[in-house]
């Protein structure tokens, strides 16, 4: 498992918490930051998946 997958999942969790906190407090900036972190995390996770796929293909 690539480190980008792990870091991406962590960033998604952080983004979800920020988004929820922003919704609860009515802080639109915090909510937007959370959505941005979540999107970055999803992208980073997909990059990690792609790296794993390439690595597995090369090993075969």
C-alpha atoms as a PDB file:
ATOM      1  CA  UNK A   1       0.000   0.000   0.000  1.00  0.00           C
ATOM      2  CA  UNK A   2       1.402   3.330  -1.074  1.00  0.00           C
ATOM      3  CA  UNK A   3       1.941   6.091   1.474  1.00  0.00           C
ATOM      4  CA  UNK A   4      -0.171   8.449  -0.658  1.00  0.00           C
ATOM      5  CA  UNK A   5      -3.210   6.248  -0.072  1.00  0.00           C
ATOM      6  CA  UNK A   6      -2.747   6.492   3.687  1.00  0.00           C
ATOM      7  CA  UNK A   7      -2.048  10.220   3.660  1.00  0.00           C
ATOM      8  CA  UNK A   8      -5.026  10.794   1.370  1.00  0.00           C
ATOM      9  CA  UNK A   9      -7.367   8.910   3.681  1.00  0.00           C
ATOM     10  CA  UNK A  10      -6.099  10.950   6.631  1.00  0.00           C
ATOM     11  CA  UNK A  11      -6.619  14.196   4.723  1.00  0.00           C
ATOM     12  CA  UNK A  12     -10.154  13.108   3.795  1.00  0.00           C
ATOM     13  CA  UNK A  13     -10.948  12.447   7.455  1.00  0.00           C
ATOM     14  CA  UNK A  14      -9.510  15.816   8.449  1.00  0.00           C
ATOM     15  CA  UNK A  15     -11.592  17.483   5.744  1.00  0.00           C
ATOM     16  CA  UNK A  16     -14.764  15.745   6.872  1.00  0.00           C
ATOM     17  CA  UNK A  17     -14.194  16.933  10.440  1.00  0.00           C
ATOM     18  CA  UNK A  18     -13.562  20.521   9.307  1.00  0.00           C
ATOM     19  CA  UNK A  19     -16.651  20.433   7.092  1.00  0.00           C
ATOM     20  CA  UNK A  20     -18.822  19.147   9.941  1.00  0.00           C
ATOM     21  CA  UNK A  21     -17.397  21.696  12.367  1.00  0.00           C
ATOM     22  CA  UNK A  22     -18.029  24.465   9.850  1.00  0.00           C
ATOM     23  CA  UNK A  23     -21.633  23.359   9.374  1.00  0.00           C
ATOM     24  CA  UNK A  24     -22.178  23.162  13.125  1.00  0.00           C
ATOM     25  CA  UNK A  25     -20.711  26.578  13.879  1.00  0.00           C
ATOM     26  CA  UNK A  26     -21.947  28.278  10.726  1.00  0.00           C
ATOM     27  CA  UNK A  27     -18.375  29.073   9.672  1.00  0.00           C
ATOM     28  CA  UNK A  28     -18.441  28.984   5.886  1.00  0.00           C
ATOM     29  CA  UNK A  29     -14.663  29.408   5.576  1.00  0.00           C
ATOM     30  CA  UNK A  30     -14.013  26.380   7.781  1.00  0.00           C
ATOM     31  CA  UNK A  31     -16.592  24.405   5.854  1.00  0.00           C
ATOM     32  CA  UNK A  32     -14.951  25.361   2.544  1.00  0.00           C
ATOM     33  CA  UNK A  33     -11.517  24.419   3.899  1.00  0.00           C
ATOM     34  CA  UNK A  34     -12.935  21.067   4.916  1.00  0.00           C
ATOM     35  CA  UNK A  35     -14.370  20.421   1.484  1.00  0.00           C
ATOM     36  CA  UNK A  36     -11.050  21.387  -0.094  1.00  0.00           C
ATOM     37  CA  UNK A  37      -9.090  19.052   2.210  1.00  0.00           C
ATOM     38  CA  UNK A  38     -11.555  16.285   1.441  1.00  0.00           C
ATOM     39  CA  UNK A  39     -11.110  16.768  -2.315  1.00  0.00           C
ATOM     40  CA  UNK A  40      -7.313  16.874  -1.972  1.00  0.00           C
ATOM     41  CA  UNK A  41      -7.433  13.692   0.076  1.00  0.00           C
ATOM     42  CA  UNK A  42      -9.516  11.899  -2.536  1.00  0.00           C
ATOM     43  CA  UNK A  43      -7.084  12.931  -5.261  1.00  0.00           C
ATOM     44  CA  UNK A  44      -4.048  11.895  -3.229  1.00  0.00           C
ATOM     45  CA  UNK A  45      -5.681   8.548  -2.467  1.00  0.00           C
ATOM     46  CA  UNK A  46      -6.307   7.954  -6.178  1.00  0.00           C
ATOM     47  CA  UNK A  47      -2.671   8.803  -6.958  1.00  0.00           C
ATOM     48  CA  UNK A  48      -1.641   6.183  -4.424  1.00  0.00           C
ATOM     49  CA  UNK A  49      -3.940   3.617  -6.031  1.00  0.00           C
ATOM     50  CA  UNK A  50      -2.417   4.374  -9.436  1.00  0.00           C
ATOM     51  CA  UNK A  51       1.095   3.960  -8.036  1.00  0.00           C
ATOM     52  CA  UNK A  52       0.115   0.615  -6.522  1.00  0.00           C
ATOM     53  CA  UNK A  53      -1.358  -0.536  -9.827  1.00  0.00           C
ATOM     54  CA  UNK A  54       1.798   0.398 -11.734  1.00  0.00           C
ATOM     55  CA  UNK A  55       4.012  -1.204  -9.099  1.00  0.00           C
ATOM     56  CA  UNK A  56       2.001  -4.439  -9.230  1.00  0.00           C
ATOM     57  CA  UNK A  57       2.066  -4.504 -13.036  1.00  0.00           C
ATOM     58  CA  UNK A  58       5.849  -4.068 -13.098  1.00  0.00           C
ATOM     59  CA  UNK A  59       6.360  -6.903 -10.617  1.00  0.00           C
ATOM     60  CA  UNK A  60       4.455  -9.394 -12.800  1.00  0.00           C
END
